Amino acid sequence: MLKHGRISPGAVWMDRKGWMVAIRYFYRTEASEPGVTLGIVVADEDSDQAIVLFRNDWEDLLAYDPAADVELMAEFQQELQSLAGRSGARSLVKTLSETFGNSLRCSDPQRIRLEQPLAVHAARLASEYLGHS
């Protein structure tokens, strides 16, 4: 269906159920603190496939916490992408919910309806949550 990030001609897409999780960074641990959204995980429930997308730039994070370790965040993104590919979406969200601490938090999974291929839907959500264009 996908070839080099594009939908192949003749690909058929049916309405599917999915979910999205936001990954947020918190400099301080007050409950009222908004934090910064670092990335999102968008998953297709039926196929157990997930796409992990993080920010294109780290300016908002560094403005929020100048001491934030941007290199560590980039490595974290790569590890999550690898885990999603190896273990699937269900395993990834379980790992996220079990391993995050005070600084990194994972939202509860939000149900979404996938009316387009997963990559297209993930790109739209990344634009909304991360400012990707």
N, C-alpha and C. Protein backbone atom coordinates (compact mmCIF):
# COMPACT_ATOMS: atom_id res chain seq x y z
N MET A 1 0.82 -1.19 0.00
CA MET A 1 0.00 0.00 0.00
C MET A 1 0.87 1.26 0.00
N LEU A 2 1.91 1.30 0.86
CA LEU A 2 2.76 2.49 0.91
C LEU A 2 4.07 2.19 0.20
N LYS A 3 4.51 3.13 -0.58
CA LYS A 3 5.78 2.98 -1.27
C LYS A 3 6.50 4.31 -1.15
N HIS A 4 7.62 4.31 -0.44
CA HIS A 4 8.40 5.53 -0.22
C HIS A 4 7.53 6.65 0.35
N GLY A 5 6.66 6.31 1.31
CA GLY A 5 5.86 7.31 1.98
C GLY A 5 4.64 7.78 1.19
N ARG A 6 4.38 7.17 0.05
CA ARG A 6 3.23 7.56 -0.76
C ARG A 6 2.28 6.39 -0.91
N ILE A 7 1.04 6.70 -1.13
CA ILE A 7 0.04 5.65 -1.32
C ILE A 7 0.16 5.15 -2.75
N SER A 8 0.25 3.84 -2.88
CA SER A 8 0.39 3.28 -4.22
C SER A 8 -0.94 3.39 -4.97
N PRO A 9 -0.89 3.51 -6.28
CA PRO A 9 -2.12 3.56 -7.06
C PRO A 9 -2.93 2.29 -6.83
N GLY A 10 -4.22 2.42 -6.75
CA GLY A 10 -5.08 1.27 -6.57
C GLY A 10 -5.22 0.83 -5.12
N ALA A 11 -4.59 1.54 -4.20
CA ALA A 11 -4.72 1.18 -2.78
C ALA A 11 -6.15 1.44 -2.33
N VAL A 12 -6.71 0.50 -1.62
CA VAL A 12 -8.07 0.62 -1.11
C VAL A 12 -7.99 0.87 0.38
N TRP A 13 -8.72 1.87 0.87
CA TRP A 13 -8.71 2.17 2.29
C TRP A 13 -10.12 2.13 2.82
N MET A 14 -10.31 1.37 3.87
CA MET A 14 -11.62 1.27 4.50
C MET A 14 -11.58 2.01 5.82
N ASP A 15 -12.72 2.43 6.29
CA ASP A 15 -12.85 3.09 7.58
C ASP A 15 -12.40 2.12 8.68
N ARG A 16 -11.42 2.53 9.50
CA ARG A 16 -10.86 1.65 10.52
C ARG A 16 -10.81 2.37 11.85
N LYS A 17 -10.69 1.59 12.92
CA LYS A 17 -10.55 2.16 14.25
C LYS A 17 -9.08 2.29 14.60
N GLY A 18 -8.77 3.34 15.32
CA GLY A 18 -7.40 3.56 15.74
C GLY A 18 -7.37 4.33 17.04
N TRP A 19 -6.18 4.72 17.43
CA TRP A 19 -6.00 5.53 18.63
C TRP A 19 -4.76 6.39 18.50
N MET A 20 -4.71 7.42 19.32
CA MET A 20 -3.58 8.33 19.34
C MET A 20 -3.17 8.58 20.78
N VAL A 21 -1.86 8.68 21.00
CA VAL A 21 -1.30 8.99 22.31
C VAL A 21 -0.37 10.18 22.12
N ALA A 22 -0.47 11.16 23.01
CA ALA A 22 0.45 12.30 22.99
C ALA A 22 1.55 12.06 24.03
N ILE A 23 2.78 12.37 23.68
CA ILE A 23 3.92 12.26 24.59
C ILE A 23 4.31 13.68 24.97
N ARG A 24 4.25 13.98 26.26
CA ARG A 24 4.48 15.34 26.74
C ARG A 24 5.66 15.38 27.70
N TYR A 25 6.37 16.49 27.68
CA TYR A 25 7.53 16.73 28.54
C TYR A 25 7.14 17.77 29.58
N PHE A 26 7.48 17.49 30.85
CA PHE A 26 7.20 18.41 31.95
C PHE A 26 8.48 18.74 32.68
N TYR A 27 8.79 20.03 32.76
CA TYR A 27 9.98 20.51 33.44
C TYR A 27 9.78 20.48 34.95
N ARG A 28 8.62 20.91 35.36
CA ARG A 28 8.23 20.86 36.77
C ARG A 28 7.07 19.89 36.88
N THR A 29 6.77 19.43 38.06
CA THR A 29 5.77 18.38 38.19
C THR A 29 4.41 18.86 38.70
N GLU A 30 4.16 20.17 38.72
CA GLU A 30 2.85 20.65 39.16
C GLU A 30 1.78 20.15 38.20
N ALA A 31 0.66 19.78 38.76
CA ALA A 31 -0.43 19.24 37.94
C ALA A 31 -0.98 20.25 36.94
N SER A 32 -0.91 21.54 37.28
CA SER A 32 -1.48 22.56 36.40
C SER A 32 -0.54 22.95 35.25
N GLU A 33 0.67 22.47 35.28
CA GLU A 33 1.66 22.81 34.26
C GLU A 33 1.24 22.21 32.90
N PRO A 34 1.28 23.02 31.82
CA PRO A 34 0.86 22.50 30.52
C PRO A 34 1.87 21.56 29.86
N GLY A 35 3.15 21.75 30.11
CA GLY A 35 4.17 20.92 29.47
C GLY A 35 4.28 21.23 27.98
N VAL A 36 5.10 20.45 27.28
CA VAL A 36 5.33 20.60 25.84
C VAL A 36 5.10 19.25 25.19
N THR A 37 4.30 19.23 24.13
CA THR A 37 4.08 17.98 23.40
C THR A 37 5.32 17.70 22.55
N LEU A 38 5.96 16.55 22.82
CA LEU A 38 7.16 16.15 22.08
C LEU A 38 6.82 15.34 20.85
N GLY A 39 5.81 14.50 20.97
CA GLY A 39 5.49 13.60 19.88
C GLY A 39 4.12 12.98 20.03
N ILE A 40 3.75 12.22 19.03
CA ILE A 40 2.49 11.49 19.05
C ILE A 40 2.73 10.07 18.53
N VAL A 41 1.88 9.18 18.97
CA VAL A 41 1.84 7.82 18.44
C VAL A 41 0.44 7.65 17.87
N VAL A 42 0.35 7.27 16.60
CA VAL A 42 -0.93 7.05 15.96
C VAL A 42 -0.94 5.59 15.51
N ALA A 43 -2.02 4.88 15.86
CA ALA A 43 -2.04 3.44 15.61
C ALA A 43 -3.32 2.99 14.93
N ASP A 44 -3.19 1.95 14.14
CA ASP A 44 -4.31 1.24 13.53
C ASP A 44 -4.58 0.03 14.40
N GLU A 45 -5.75 0.00 15.00
CA GLU A 45 -6.09 -1.07 15.94
C GLU A 45 -6.12 -2.44 15.28
N ASP A 46 -6.64 -2.53 14.06
CA ASP A 46 -6.79 -3.83 13.40
C ASP A 46 -5.45 -4.44 12.99
N SER A 47 -4.55 -3.62 12.46
CA SER A 47 -3.28 -4.15 11.98
C SER A 47 -2.18 -4.13 13.04
N ASP A 48 -2.42 -3.45 14.17
CA ASP A 48 -1.45 -3.29 15.25
C ASP A 48 -0.20 -2.55 14.77
N GLN A 49 -0.36 -1.70 13.75
CA GLN A 49 0.75 -0.87 13.27
C GLN A 49 0.66 0.50 13.91
N ALA A 50 1.83 1.10 14.16
CA ALA A 50 1.86 2.43 14.76
C ALA A 50 2.89 3.29 14.06
N ILE A 51 2.63 4.58 14.06
CA ILE A 51 3.58 5.57 13.55
C ILE A 51 3.91 6.49 14.71
N VAL A 52 5.21 6.70 14.94
CA VAL A 52 5.68 7.58 16.00
C VAL A 52 6.26 8.82 15.31
N LEU A 53 5.73 9.98 15.66
CA LEU A 53 6.22 11.24 15.09
C LEU A 53 6.57 12.19 16.23
N PHE A 54 7.73 12.81 16.12
CA PHE A 54 8.18 13.80 17.10
C PHE A 54 8.30 15.15 16.41
N ARG A 55 8.57 16.17 17.19
CA ARG A 55 8.74 17.53 16.67
C ARG A 55 9.82 17.58 15.59
N ASN A 56 9.68 18.50 14.66
CA ASN A 56 10.73 18.75 13.67
C ASN A 56 11.84 19.60 14.26
N ASP A 57 11.48 20.45 15.22
CA ASP A 57 12.48 21.30 15.87
C ASP A 57 12.21 21.26 17.37
N TRP A 58 13.17 21.72 18.11
CA TRP A 58 13.08 21.64 19.58
C TRP A 58 13.02 23.02 20.22
N GLU A 59 12.72 24.06 19.44
CA GLU A 59 12.70 25.42 19.98
C GLU A 59 11.72 25.58 21.14
N ASP A 60 10.51 25.05 21.01
CA ASP A 60 9.52 25.17 22.09
C ASP A 60 10.01 24.47 23.35
N LEU A 61 10.62 23.32 23.19
CA LEU A 61 11.13 22.58 24.35
C LEU A 61 12.24 23.37 25.03
N LEU A 62 13.18 23.90 24.26
CA LEU A 62 14.30 24.64 24.84
C LEU A 62 13.86 25.97 25.44
N ALA A 63 12.80 26.58 24.90
CA ALA A 63 12.26 27.80 25.51
C ALA A 63 11.61 27.47 26.85
N TYR A 64 11.02 26.31 26.92
CA TYR A 64 10.33 25.85 28.13
C TYR A 64 11.34 25.39 29.18
N ASP A 65 12.35 24.64 28.75
CA ASP A 65 13.39 24.13 29.64
C ASP A 65 14.74 24.21 28.91
N PRO A 66 15.50 25.28 29.13
CA PRO A 66 16.78 25.45 28.42
C PRO A 66 17.77 24.31 28.67
N ALA A 67 17.60 23.57 29.74
CA ALA A 67 18.52 22.47 30.05
C ALA A 67 18.06 21.12 29.48
N ALA A 68 16.98 21.11 28.74
CA ALA A 68 16.46 19.85 28.18
C ALA A 68 17.50 19.20 27.28
N ASP A 69 17.61 17.90 27.35
CA ASP A 69 18.58 17.14 26.56
C ASP A 69 17.95 16.76 25.22
N VAL A 70 18.16 17.59 24.22
CA VAL A 70 17.56 17.39 22.91
C VAL A 70 18.08 16.11 22.25
N GLU A 71 19.35 15.81 22.41
CA GLU A 71 19.91 14.58 21.83
C GLU A 71 19.25 13.35 22.43
N LEU A 72 18.99 13.37 23.73
CA LEU A 72 18.30 12.26 24.38
C LEU A 72 16.89 12.11 23.83
N MET A 73 16.20 13.21 23.59
CA MET A 73 14.84 13.15 23.04
C MET A 73 14.86 12.55 21.63
N ALA A 74 15.85 12.91 20.83
CA ALA A 74 15.97 12.35 19.47
C ALA A 74 16.24 10.85 19.53
N GLU A 75 17.09 10.42 20.46
CA GLU A 75 17.34 8.98 20.65
C GLU A 75 16.09 8.26 21.11
N PHE A 76 15.33 8.91 21.99
CA PHE A 76 14.08 8.34 22.49
C PHE A 76 13.10 8.13 21.34
N GLN A 77 13.02 9.09 20.44
CA GLN A 77 12.15 8.97 19.28
C GLN A 77 12.54 7.75 18.44
N GLN A 78 13.83 7.60 18.18
CA GLN A 78 14.30 6.47 17.38
C GLN A 78 13.99 5.14 18.06
N GLU A 79 14.14 5.08 19.38
CA GLU A 79 13.84 3.85 20.12
C GLU A 79 12.36 3.51 20.03
N LEU A 80 11.50 4.51 20.16
CA LEU A 80 10.06 4.27 20.07
C LEU A 80 9.67 3.80 18.67
N GLN A 81 10.27 4.40 17.64
CA GLN A 81 9.98 3.98 16.27
C GLN A 81 10.42 2.54 16.05
N SER A 82 11.57 2.19 16.59
CA SER A 82 12.08 0.82 16.48
C SER A 82 11.17 -0.16 17.21
N LEU A 83 10.75 0.21 18.42
CA LEU A 83 9.86 -0.64 19.21
C LEU A 83 8.53 -0.85 18.50
N ALA A 84 7.99 0.21 17.91
CA ALA A 84 6.73 0.09 17.18
C ALA A 84 6.87 -0.89 16.02
N GLY A 85 7.99 -0.84 15.32
CA GLY A 85 8.23 -1.75 14.20
C GLY A 85 8.44 -3.19 14.63
N ARG A 86 9.12 -3.38 15.76
CA ARG A 86 9.42 -4.74 16.24
C ARG A 86 8.25 -5.38 16.96
N SER A 87 7.57 -4.60 17.80
CA SER A 87 6.60 -5.19 18.73
C SER A 87 5.15 -4.84 18.46
N GLY A 88 4.91 -3.85 17.65
CA GLY A 88 3.54 -3.46 17.34
C GLY A 88 3.01 -2.38 18.27
N ALA A 89 1.86 -1.86 17.89
CA ALA A 89 1.26 -0.73 18.59
C ALA A 89 0.85 -1.05 20.02
N ARG A 90 0.24 -2.20 20.23
CA ARG A 90 -0.23 -2.54 21.58
C ARG A 90 0.93 -2.63 22.57
N SER A 91 1.99 -3.26 22.15
CA SER A 91 3.17 -3.39 23.01
C SER A 91 3.80 -2.02 23.26
N LEU A 92 3.81 -1.17 22.25
CA LEU A 92 4.39 0.16 22.39
C LEU A 92 3.63 0.97 23.43
N VAL A 93 2.31 1.00 23.35
CA VAL A 93 1.55 1.82 24.30
C VAL A 93 1.66 1.26 25.72
N LYS A 94 1.78 -0.05 25.84
CA LYS A 94 1.98 -0.65 27.17
C LYS A 94 3.33 -0.21 27.74
N THR A 95 4.37 -0.24 26.93
CA THR A 95 5.69 0.21 27.35
C THR A 95 5.66 1.68 27.75
N LEU A 96 4.99 2.51 26.95
CA LEU A 96 4.90 3.93 27.26
C LEU A 96 4.23 4.16 28.61
N SER A 97 3.15 3.47 28.86
CA SER A 97 2.41 3.70 30.10
C SER A 97 3.16 3.17 31.32
N GLU A 98 4.02 2.18 31.13
CA GLU A 98 4.75 1.58 32.26
C GLU A 98 6.08 2.25 32.55
N THR A 99 6.68 2.93 31.57
CA THR A 99 8.05 3.40 31.76
C THR A 99 8.19 4.90 31.96
N PHE A 100 7.16 5.67 31.70
CA PHE A 100 7.30 7.12 31.85
C PHE A 100 7.30 7.51 33.31
N GLY A 101 7.98 8.62 33.61
CA GLY A 101 8.06 9.13 34.97
C GLY A 101 7.48 10.52 35.06
N ASN A 102 8.09 11.35 35.88
CA ASN A 102 7.59 12.70 36.10
C ASN A 102 7.83 13.62 34.92
N SER A 103 8.97 13.51 34.26
CA SER A 103 9.30 14.45 33.18
C SER A 103 8.58 14.12 31.89
N LEU A 104 8.47 12.85 31.56
CA LEU A 104 7.78 12.43 30.35
C LEU A 104 6.48 11.74 30.73
N ARG A 105 5.41 12.16 30.10
CA ARG A 105 4.12 11.55 30.38
C ARG A 105 3.41 11.22 29.08
N CYS A 106 2.67 10.16 29.13
CA CYS A 106 1.92 9.68 27.99
C CYS A 106 0.44 9.89 28.28
N SER A 107 -0.29 10.50 27.36
CA SER A 107 -1.73 10.67 27.56
C SER A 107 -2.42 9.32 27.48
N ASP A 108 -3.61 9.26 27.99
CA ASP A 108 -4.42 8.06 27.78
C ASP A 108 -4.71 7.95 26.29
N PRO A 109 -4.78 6.74 25.77
CA PRO A 109 -5.09 6.60 24.33
C PRO A 109 -6.45 7.22 24.01
N GLN A 110 -6.48 8.01 22.95
CA GLN A 110 -7.72 8.62 22.47
C GLN A 110 -8.17 7.84 21.25
N ARG A 111 -9.42 7.43 21.24
CA ARG A 111 -9.96 6.70 20.09
C ARG A 111 -10.08 7.65 18.91
N ILE A 112 -9.70 7.19 17.74
CA ILE A 112 -9.84 7.96 16.52
C ILE A 112 -10.39 7.06 15.43
N ARG A 113 -10.97 7.66 14.42
CA ARG A 113 -11.47 6.92 13.27
C ARG A 113 -10.52 7.19 12.11
N LEU A 114 -9.95 6.16 11.57
CA LEU A 114 -9.00 6.29 10.46
C LEU A 114 -9.77 6.18 9.15
N GLU A 115 -9.95 7.32 8.50
CA GLU A 115 -10.65 7.33 7.23
C GLU A 115 -9.68 7.37 6.05
N GLN A 116 -8.40 7.47 6.38
CA GLN A 116 -7.34 7.52 5.37
C GLN A 116 -6.24 6.56 5.81
N PRO A 117 -5.27 6.29 4.96
CA PRO A 117 -4.15 5.46 5.38
C PRO A 117 -3.48 6.04 6.63
N LEU A 118 -2.92 5.17 7.43
CA LEU A 118 -2.34 5.56 8.71
C LEU A 118 -1.34 6.70 8.57
N ALA A 119 -0.46 6.64 7.57
CA ALA A 119 0.55 7.68 7.39
C ALA A 119 -0.08 9.04 7.10
N VAL A 120 -1.15 9.07 6.33
CA VAL A 120 -1.83 10.32 6.01
C VAL A 120 -2.49 10.88 7.26
N HIS A 121 -3.16 10.03 8.00
CA HIS A 121 -3.84 10.46 9.22
C HIS A 121 -2.81 10.94 10.25
N ALA A 122 -1.70 10.24 10.38
CA ALA A 122 -0.65 10.63 11.32
C ALA A 122 -0.07 11.99 10.95
N ALA A 123 0.12 12.25 9.67
CA ALA A 123 0.66 13.54 9.23
C ALA A 123 -0.31 14.67 9.57
N ARG A 124 -1.61 14.43 9.43
CA ARG A 124 -2.60 15.45 9.78
C ARG A 124 -2.58 15.74 11.28
N LEU A 125 -2.49 14.70 12.09
CA LEU A 125 -2.43 14.88 13.54
C LEU A 125 -1.12 15.55 13.97
N ALA A 126 -0.03 15.23 13.29
CA ALA A 126 1.26 15.87 13.59
C ALA A 126 1.18 17.36 13.32
N SER A 127 0.48 17.74 12.28
CA SER A 127 0.30 19.16 11.99
C SER A 127 -0.47 19.84 13.12
N GLU A 128 -1.48 19.17 13.60
CA GLU A 128 -2.33 19.72 14.66
C GLU A 128 -1.59 19.78 16.01
N TYR A 129 -0.90 18.72 16.38
CA TYR A 129 -0.30 18.62 17.70
C TYR A 129 1.15 19.11 17.77
N LEU A 130 1.89 19.00 16.67
CA LEU A 130 3.32 19.30 16.69
C LEU A 130 3.70 20.47 15.80
N GLY A 131 2.77 20.98 15.03
CA GLY A 131 3.06 22.10 14.15
C GLY A 131 3.78 21.72 12.88
N HIS A 132 3.79 20.40 12.53
CA HIS A 132 4.41 19.98 11.27
C HIS A 132 3.56 20.51 10.12
N SER A 133 4.22 20.88 9.05
CA SER A 133 3.47 21.32 7.87
C SER A 133 3.60 20.32 6.75
